[in-house]
Protein backbone atom coordinates (compact mmCIF):
# COMPACT_ATOMS: atom_id res chain seq x y z
CA MET A 1 -104.62 59.56 91.71
CA LYS A 2 -102.43 60.56 94.69
CA PHE A 3 -103.68 59.07 97.97
CA ILE A 4 -104.23 61.54 100.83
CA PRO A 5 -104.59 60.05 104.32
CA SER A 6 -108.08 60.64 105.69
CA PHE A 7 -106.78 61.98 108.99
CA LEU A 8 -105.38 65.11 107.27
CA SER A 9 -108.05 67.79 107.21
CA ALA A 10 -108.29 70.46 104.50
CA SER A 11 -107.02 73.08 106.94
CA CYS A 12 -104.00 70.92 107.77
CA LEU A 13 -103.20 70.51 104.09
CA ILE A 14 -103.40 74.26 103.57
CA SER A 15 -101.09 74.87 106.53
CA ILE A 16 -98.56 72.32 105.24
CA SER A 17 -98.69 73.85 101.77
CA LEU A 18 -98.16 77.39 103.08
CA ALA A 19 -95.30 76.26 105.31
CA ALA A 20 -93.57 74.56 102.38
CA LEU A 21 -94.06 77.67 100.26
CA ALA A 22 -92.60 79.91 102.99
CA GLN A 23 -89.46 77.74 103.24
CA ASP A 24 -88.70 78.30 99.55
CA ILE A 25 -88.32 82.09 99.79
CA GLN A 26 -85.25 83.34 97.95
CA GLY A 27 -83.89 86.71 99.01
CA MET A 28 -83.56 89.52 96.47
CA SER A 29 -82.13 93.02 96.13
CA PHE A 30 -82.91 95.99 93.90
CA SER A 31 -81.77 99.60 93.70
CA HIS A 32 -82.97 102.57 91.68
CA GLN A 33 -81.55 106.09 91.91
CA ASP A 34 -81.48 107.05 95.62
CA TRP A 35 -83.38 104.05 97.00
CA GLU A 36 -82.60 100.36 97.47
CA ILE A 37 -84.38 97.31 98.84
CA TYR A 38 -83.26 93.97 100.28
CA CYS A 39 -85.77 91.20 100.98
CA SER A 40 -84.63 88.14 102.90
CA ASN A 41 -85.40 84.43 103.00
CA THR A 42 -87.85 85.15 105.86
CA GLY A 43 -89.99 87.34 103.59
CA THR A 44 -89.01 90.54 105.42
CA CYS A 45 -88.23 93.53 103.19
CA ARG A 46 -86.10 96.54 104.09
CA ALA A 47 -86.11 99.58 101.81
CA ALA A 48 -83.75 102.50 102.36
CA GLY A 49 -83.76 105.97 100.84
CA TYR A 50 -80.96 108.55 101.03
CA GLN A 51 -80.14 112.16 100.23
CA ASN A 52 -79.53 112.95 96.58
CA ASP A 53 -75.80 112.51 96.03
CA GLU A 54 -75.70 115.13 93.29
CA ALA A 55 -76.97 117.87 95.62
CA SER A 56 -73.70 118.69 97.39
CA ALA A 57 -75.38 121.04 99.88
CA LEU A 58 -77.43 118.22 101.42
CA GLU A 59 -76.22 116.55 104.59
CA PRO A 60 -76.22 112.72 104.83
CA ALA A 61 -79.64 111.30 105.73
CA SER A 62 -81.53 108.05 105.33
CA ILE A 63 -84.90 106.44 106.04
CA LEU A 64 -85.31 102.67 106.45
CA LEU A 65 -88.76 101.15 105.85
CA THR A 66 -89.17 97.61 107.17
CA ARG A 67 -92.12 95.29 106.59
CA HIS A 68 -92.46 91.63 107.53
CA ALA A 69 -94.25 89.14 105.30
CA GLY A 70 -97.84 88.21 106.11
CA ALA A 71 -101.27 89.81 106.19
CA LYS A 72 -101.87 93.10 108.01
CA GLN A 73 -98.19 93.71 108.66
CA PRO A 74 -97.37 97.37 109.38
CA VAL A 75 -94.49 99.34 107.88
CA ARG A 76 -91.96 100.52 110.43
CA ALA A 77 -89.67 103.47 109.72
CA GLU A 78 -86.30 104.38 111.20
CA PHE A 79 -84.09 107.31 110.27
CA ALA A 80 -80.43 108.30 110.43
CA LEU A 81 -79.24 111.92 110.19
CA ALA A 82 -75.55 112.81 109.93
CA SER A 83 -73.10 115.53 108.97
CA PHE A 84 -70.11 115.67 106.68
CA GLU A 85 -68.33 117.99 109.14
CA GLU A 86 -69.43 117.08 112.67
CA GLU A 87 -69.25 113.93 114.82
CA VAL A 88 -71.20 115.19 117.82
CA LEU A 89 -73.79 117.96 118.03
CA PRO A 90 -74.61 120.05 121.13
CA GLU A 91 -77.73 118.67 122.81
CA SER A 92 -79.45 122.01 122.33
CA LYS A 93 -79.15 121.62 118.54
CA VAL A 94 -80.76 118.18 118.32
CA LYS A 95 -83.96 119.29 120.03
CA ASN A 96 -87.15 120.13 118.20
CA ILE A 97 -86.31 118.27 114.98
CA HIS A 98 -89.55 118.03 112.99
CA PHE A 99 -90.50 115.65 110.21
CA PHE A 100 -92.05 117.18 107.07
CA VAL A 101 -93.71 115.57 104.05
CA ASN A 102 -94.55 117.95 101.18
CA ASP A 103 -94.09 120.90 103.57
CA ARG A 104 -96.63 119.44 106.03
CA ASP A 105 -95.26 119.52 109.59
CA LEU A 106 -95.83 116.07 111.09
CA GLY A 107 -94.38 116.82 114.46
CA VAL A 108 -91.22 116.24 116.43
CA VAL A 109 -89.01 113.16 116.09
CA ASN A 110 -87.06 111.77 119.03
CA VAL A 111 -83.38 110.90 118.61
CA ASP A 112 -81.42 108.41 120.68
CA SER A 113 -78.53 110.77 121.52
CA ASN A 114 -76.55 113.71 120.19
CA GLN A 115 -73.95 111.37 118.67
CA LEU A 116 -73.97 111.35 114.88
CA PRO A 117 -75.65 109.82 113.07
CA LEU A 118 -78.79 110.79 114.94
CA MET A 119 -81.01 107.70 115.03
CA GLY A 120 -84.71 107.40 115.76
CA THR A 121 -88.08 105.93 114.79
CA LEU A 122 -91.02 107.61 113.10
CA SER A 123 -94.47 107.47 114.66
CA HIS A 124 -97.40 105.59 113.11
CA LEU A 125 -98.88 108.92 111.95
CA GLN A 126 -95.60 110.04 110.36
CA VAL A 127 -95.13 106.71 108.56
CA ASN A 128 -98.67 106.77 107.16
CA ALA A 129 -98.21 110.32 105.89
CA LEU A 130 -95.06 109.24 104.05
CA LEU A 131 -96.67 106.13 102.55
CA GLN A 132 -99.67 108.12 101.31
CA VAL A 133 -97.41 110.03 98.90
CA ALA A 134 -95.03 107.16 98.08
CA ALA A 135 -96.51 106.83 94.59
CA GLN A 136 -96.24 110.58 93.93
CA ASN A 137 -93.64 113.30 94.19
CA ALA A 138 -92.61 113.55 97.80
CA LYS A 139 -90.54 116.17 99.59
CA ILE A 140 -89.18 114.40 102.70
CA GLU A 141 -87.40 116.55 105.28
CA PHE A 142 -86.10 116.66 108.84
CA LYS A 143 -85.32 120.09 110.18
CA ASN A 144 -85.12 122.46 113.12
CA GLN A 145 -83.77 125.98 113.44
CA ASP A 146 -80.16 124.74 113.14
CA PHE A 147 -80.19 121.86 110.65
CA HIS A 148 -81.94 120.64 107.53
CA TRP A 149 -81.86 117.11 106.09
CA GLN A 150 -83.74 115.94 103.00
CA ILE A 151 -84.39 112.40 101.73
CA SER A 152 -84.66 112.04 97.96
CA ASP A 153 -87.88 110.61 96.52
CA GLN A 154 -86.09 109.50 93.34
CA GLY A 155 -86.47 105.75 93.12
CA MET A 156 -88.86 105.47 96.07
CA THR A 157 -91.93 104.44 94.06
CA ALA A 158 -90.07 101.78 92.06
CA THR A 159 -88.42 100.39 95.17
CA LEU A 160 -91.61 100.13 97.23
CA LEU A 161 -93.38 98.57 94.25
CA LYS A 162 -90.72 95.86 94.41
CA MET A 163 -91.60 95.36 98.08
CA ASP A 164 -95.28 94.94 97.21
CA ASP A 165 -94.40 92.50 94.45
CA PHE A 166 -92.00 90.38 96.52
CA GLN A 167 -94.48 90.07 99.37
CA LYS A 168 -97.30 89.34 96.88
CA ARG A 169 -99.36 92.37 97.94
CA LEU A 170 -99.98 93.81 94.46
CA ASN A 171 -103.63 94.81 93.99
CA THR A 172 -104.45 94.09 97.64
CA VAL A 173 -105.75 96.48 100.27
CA GLY A 174 -102.38 96.27 102.02
CA ALA A 175 -100.20 97.29 99.08
CA ILE A 176 -98.14 100.45 99.39
CA ILE A 177 -97.95 101.44 95.73
CA LYS A 178 -100.33 99.34 93.66
CA LYS A 179 -103.40 99.10 95.87
CA GLY A 180 -106.47 97.11 94.93
CA GLN A 181 -109.64 95.62 96.36
CA ASN A 182 -108.28 92.11 96.99
CA SER A 183 -107.82 90.91 100.55
CA GLU A 184 -104.42 89.88 101.88
CA ALA A 185 -105.45 86.22 102.20
CA ARG A 186 -102.92 85.14 99.57
CA VAL A 187 -99.97 87.37 100.46
CA ARG A 188 -96.61 85.74 101.11
CA THR A 189 -96.41 84.21 104.58
CA ALA A 190 -93.36 84.72 106.77
CA ALA A 191 -90.76 81.96 106.99
CA PRO A 192 -88.56 81.25 110.01
CA LYS A 193 -84.89 82.05 109.88
CA LEU A 194 -82.69 79.32 108.45
CA GLN A 195 -81.23 77.16 111.26
CA VAL A 196 -77.75 75.72 110.82
CA LYS A 197 -75.78 73.60 113.28
CA GLN A 198 -72.11 74.48 113.11
CA VAL A 199 -69.54 71.68 113.12
CA LYS A 200 -66.23 73.18 114.19
CA SER A 201 -63.13 72.41 112.21
CA ALA A 202 -59.39 72.91 112.50
CA ASN A 203 -58.42 76.55 112.92
CA SER A 204 -55.06 76.33 111.14
CA PRO A 205 -54.04 74.75 107.84
CA TYR A 206 -52.38 71.35 108.04
CA LEU A 207 -50.59 71.93 104.75
CA SER A 208 -49.61 74.87 102.56
CA LEU A 209 -48.72 74.15 98.96
CA GLU A 210 -46.46 76.70 97.27
CA PRO A 211 -46.69 77.03 93.46
CA GLN A 212 -43.45 75.05 93.02
CA HIS A 213 -44.74 72.08 95.09
CA ARG A 214 -45.19 68.87 93.06
CA GLN A 215 -48.90 68.60 94.00
CA TYR A 216 -49.71 72.24 93.31
CA GLN A 217 -50.54 72.21 89.60
CA ALA A 218 -52.84 69.19 89.75
CA LEU A 219 -54.75 70.59 92.72
CA TYR A 220 -54.92 74.07 91.20
CA LYS A 221 -56.47 72.66 88.01
CA THR A 222 -59.02 70.76 90.11
CA LEU A 223 -60.02 73.94 91.90
CA ILE A 224 -60.23 76.11 88.81
CA SER A 225 -62.36 73.53 87.03
CA ALA A 226 -64.94 74.04 89.78
CA GLN A 227 -65.20 77.80 89.29
CA PRO A 228 -68.61 79.40 89.91
CA LYS A 229 -71.34 79.82 87.33
CA GLY A 230 -72.94 83.16 86.63
CA GLU A 231 -72.28 86.74 85.63
CA GLU A 232 -70.50 87.56 88.90
CA VAL A 233 -67.36 85.67 87.80
CA ALA A 234 -64.64 88.03 86.64
CA GLU A 235 -62.59 87.32 83.55
CA GLY A 236 -59.37 85.56 84.47
CA PHE A 237 -60.92 83.88 87.51
CA CYS A 238 -58.30 83.19 90.21
CA GLU A 239 -55.32 83.33 87.83
CA GLY A 240 -53.09 84.82 90.53
CA ILE A 241 -52.13 88.28 91.80
CA TYR A 242 -50.68 90.84 89.39
CA THR A 243 -47.16 91.80 90.48
CA GLY A 244 -46.25 94.23 87.69
CA ASP A 245 -44.61 91.53 85.60
CA GLY A 246 -47.65 89.31 85.25
CA GLN A 247 -50.00 87.11 87.26
CA GLU A 248 -48.29 85.29 90.11
CA PRO A 249 -49.96 82.10 91.46
CA GLN A 250 -50.59 82.05 95.21
CA ALA A 251 -50.10 79.33 97.80
CA ILE A 252 -53.00 76.94 98.49
CA GLN A 253 -53.81 76.30 102.17
CA LEU A 254 -55.56 73.10 103.23
CA TYR A 255 -57.72 72.82 106.37
CA LYS A 256 -59.22 69.65 107.82
CA LEU A 257 -62.99 69.82 108.10
CA SER A 258 -64.89 66.62 109.00
CA ASN A 259 -66.39 63.61 107.25
CA GLN A 260 -63.16 63.08 105.25
CA LYS A 261 -63.43 66.55 103.72
CA ILE A 262 -60.92 69.37 103.50
CA LEU A 263 -61.13 73.06 102.67
CA ALA A 264 -58.75 74.44 100.05
CA THR A 265 -58.21 78.18 99.91
CA THR A 266 -56.04 80.53 97.87
CA LEU A 267 -55.89 84.28 97.27
CA CYS A 268 -57.80 84.86 94.02
CA TRP A 269 -57.81 88.62 93.50
CA ARG A 270 -56.74 91.92 94.99
CA ALA A 271 -58.05 95.43 94.29
CA ALA A 272 -57.50 98.91 95.71
CA TYR A 273 -59.60 98.35 98.85
CA ASN A 274 -60.44 94.65 98.88
CA GLU A 275 -59.14 91.18 98.25
CA GLY A 276 -60.86 87.83 97.95
CA TYR A 277 -59.88 84.27 98.71
CA GLY A 278 -61.34 81.34 96.80
CA MET A 279 -62.75 78.52 98.94
CA TRP A 280 -63.43 74.93 97.81
CA VAL A 281 -64.38 71.66 99.53
CA LEU A 282 -62.94 68.36 98.34
CA ASP A 283 -62.02 64.89 99.61
CA THR A 284 -58.86 64.34 101.62
CA ALA A 285 -57.30 62.52 98.65
CA LEU A 286 -57.32 65.85 96.76
CA LYS A 287 -58.11 64.07 93.50
CA GLY A 288 -61.88 64.12 93.28
CA PRO A 289 -64.05 66.99 92.00
CA ALA A 290 -64.07 70.14 94.14
CA THR A 291 -67.15 72.04 95.30
CA PHE A 292 -66.81 75.80 94.96
CA VAL A 293 -68.03 77.97 97.88
CA THR A 294 -66.94 81.57 97.21
CA GLU A 295 -64.20 83.76 95.74
CA THR A 296 -64.82 86.72 98.07
CA ALA A 297 -63.71 85.22 101.40
CA SER A 298 -61.73 87.33 103.85
CA ASP A 299 -60.88 84.70 106.44
CA PHE A 300 -61.69 81.22 107.75
CA SER A 301 -61.95 80.06 111.36
CA GLU A 302 -63.38 76.97 113.08
CA GLY A 303 -65.79 76.05 110.34
CA ARG A 304 -66.86 79.57 109.37
CA ILE A 305 -65.96 81.42 106.18
CA HIS A 306 -66.31 85.19 106.53
CA SER A 307 -66.37 87.79 103.76
CA GLY A 308 -66.24 91.56 104.27
CA GLN A 309 -65.90 93.76 101.18
CA LYS A 310 -65.84 97.56 101.34
CA GLY A 311 -68.13 99.49 98.97
CA ARG A 312 -67.02 102.54 97.03
CA GLY A 313 -68.27 106.02 97.85
CA ILE A 314 -68.29 108.65 100.58
CA GLY A 315 -68.21 106.88 103.93
CA ASP A 316 -67.50 103.21 104.46
CA CYS A 317 -70.17 100.67 103.62
CA TRP A 318 -69.80 96.92 103.55
CA ALA A 319 -71.04 93.77 101.87
CA VAL A 320 -70.86 90.97 104.43
CA ALA A 321 -71.31 87.24 103.92
CA GLU A 322 -70.74 84.09 105.95
CA TRP A 323 -70.83 80.35 105.31
CA VAL A 324 -70.97 77.72 108.08
CA TRP A 325 -69.76 74.10 107.86
CA ASN A 326 -72.56 71.74 108.97
CA GLY A 327 -70.55 68.56 108.66
CA GLN A 328 -71.56 67.94 105.05
CA GLN A 329 -71.28 71.27 103.28
CA PHE A 330 -70.92 75.02 103.76
CA VAL A 331 -74.31 76.71 104.15
CA GLN A 332 -74.57 80.46 103.61
CA THR A 333 -75.95 82.07 106.77
CA ILE A 334 -75.32 85.77 106.07
CA ASP A 335 -75.76 87.84 102.93
CA ARG A 336 -75.91 91.47 104.06
CA TRP A 337 -75.32 95.00 102.81
CA THR A 338 -74.97 98.00 105.14
CA GLY A 339 -76.52 100.43 102.67
CA MET A 340 -75.33 102.87 100.04
CA CYS A 341 -72.07 104.71 100.69
CA ARG A 342 -73.60 108.12 101.33
CA GLY A 343 -71.46 109.39 104.22
CA LEU A 344 -73.81 108.41 107.07
CA ALA A 345 -71.30 106.56 109.24
CA ALA A 346 -68.21 104.41 109.01
CA GLY A 347 -69.41 100.88 108.39
CA GLY A 348 -72.89 101.96 107.28
CA VAL A 349 -76.01 102.23 109.43
CA TRP A 350 -78.42 99.51 108.25
CA ASN A 351 -78.45 95.71 108.11
CA LEU A 352 -80.05 94.92 104.75
CA ASP A 353 -80.31 91.13 104.62
CA LYS A 354 -80.94 88.64 101.84
CA ILE A 355 -80.23 85.69 104.13
CA GLU A 356 -81.13 85.52 107.82
CA ALA A 357 -80.11 82.49 109.86
CA ILE A 358 -79.60 81.15 113.37
CA VAL A 359 -76.33 79.28 113.88
CA LYS A 360 -76.30 76.76 116.71
C-alpha cells in the first residue's frame, strides 16, 4: 500500500491531482468544411468559421469563438469582415452593421475602424443567440444597407462538438452541442502557459561543410538516421534540392549551442512558396547520435529556431512554429495557425494556438 503523509488533506490531494492533469494537456486541431478549431496546451479552444468558398458572390468573413478551460467559462466571439476589392471603406458605410442569426436581427455590432478587415466583438446576447442554433442549421449574417457578409454553418456543429469533447464538457450543463444534466465539476481545468528559459547561443555558424568536404558524408548519414517519426515525413526526406538534373545535397551549417552541444542545419526541401531547413542537435564531436528537431525551419538566431510556412489559397495565411534552446534541448514554444486562407487579410487574422508559452 502506498504511504500518504498524514499532513496532506483530501482537498490538497485533489488539488495536486488536478494540477498534474492540467499540465499534461496536449494541443489538438481539427477542421471540417468551413470551420476549424485549435485547442492549446492551456486548455483554451479557438474555433473559427468562414464564408463558403464555393459561393463566389460572398465577401470574406470570419467568426472566432474562444473558450477557456474550466467550469462556467463563457464563450467569447470576435469577427472579421473584409472585401476582395476594397482596402478601406468610407466611415459612412461601416455604420449600422447588424448581426443576424436565422433572419433574426440581433442588433448593431461595433467595429474598430474603417480599415479592412473590419474587426469587432459580439455582445453576450449575440453570442448566446448564435450558440443556441449551433447544433442546427444556422444562417449567420452581418449586413447594412451597403454590404452583406455571411458565415457558413457547414462544419460548425462538428467543430464545436470537438470543443466540448476536448474540454470534457460533453453531457454537462455547460456544453455547447451535446448538453446534459451533469455539472461541470469534472470538466478540464486550465493549465498555465509553458514557461521556458532561453539560453542564448552563437548567432553565426562556426563551420559550414560543403558536400565535397571529407566530414560531410559521415555527418549527413548521422543526421538522416535521426529523421522524424510519423506521417508528416515526406518521401525522400532531406535528400537535397532538385536542380533539374537530380537531387543536389546542400551544405551543413554548424552552430555552437551550450553544454557541449551543437546545432546542425541543412536545407531539406523547397516548394513553390516555401522551403524548410532540417535542424538537429548533437555533441561537438559530431559522431554520436543526433536528435531531430524539425524539417520546416526558416531561420535560426541566438538559440531560437523559427518556422514560417505560407498556406495555399486566396489571401496569405501562415503556419508558425518556434523552438527555444533551454541549455539541454530545444523546447517547442509556438505552434500556431493564422486561419484558413479565405481572403480576409495578408497574414491571416487569428492566432490559433496548439502551444502557448512564456519565454524568459
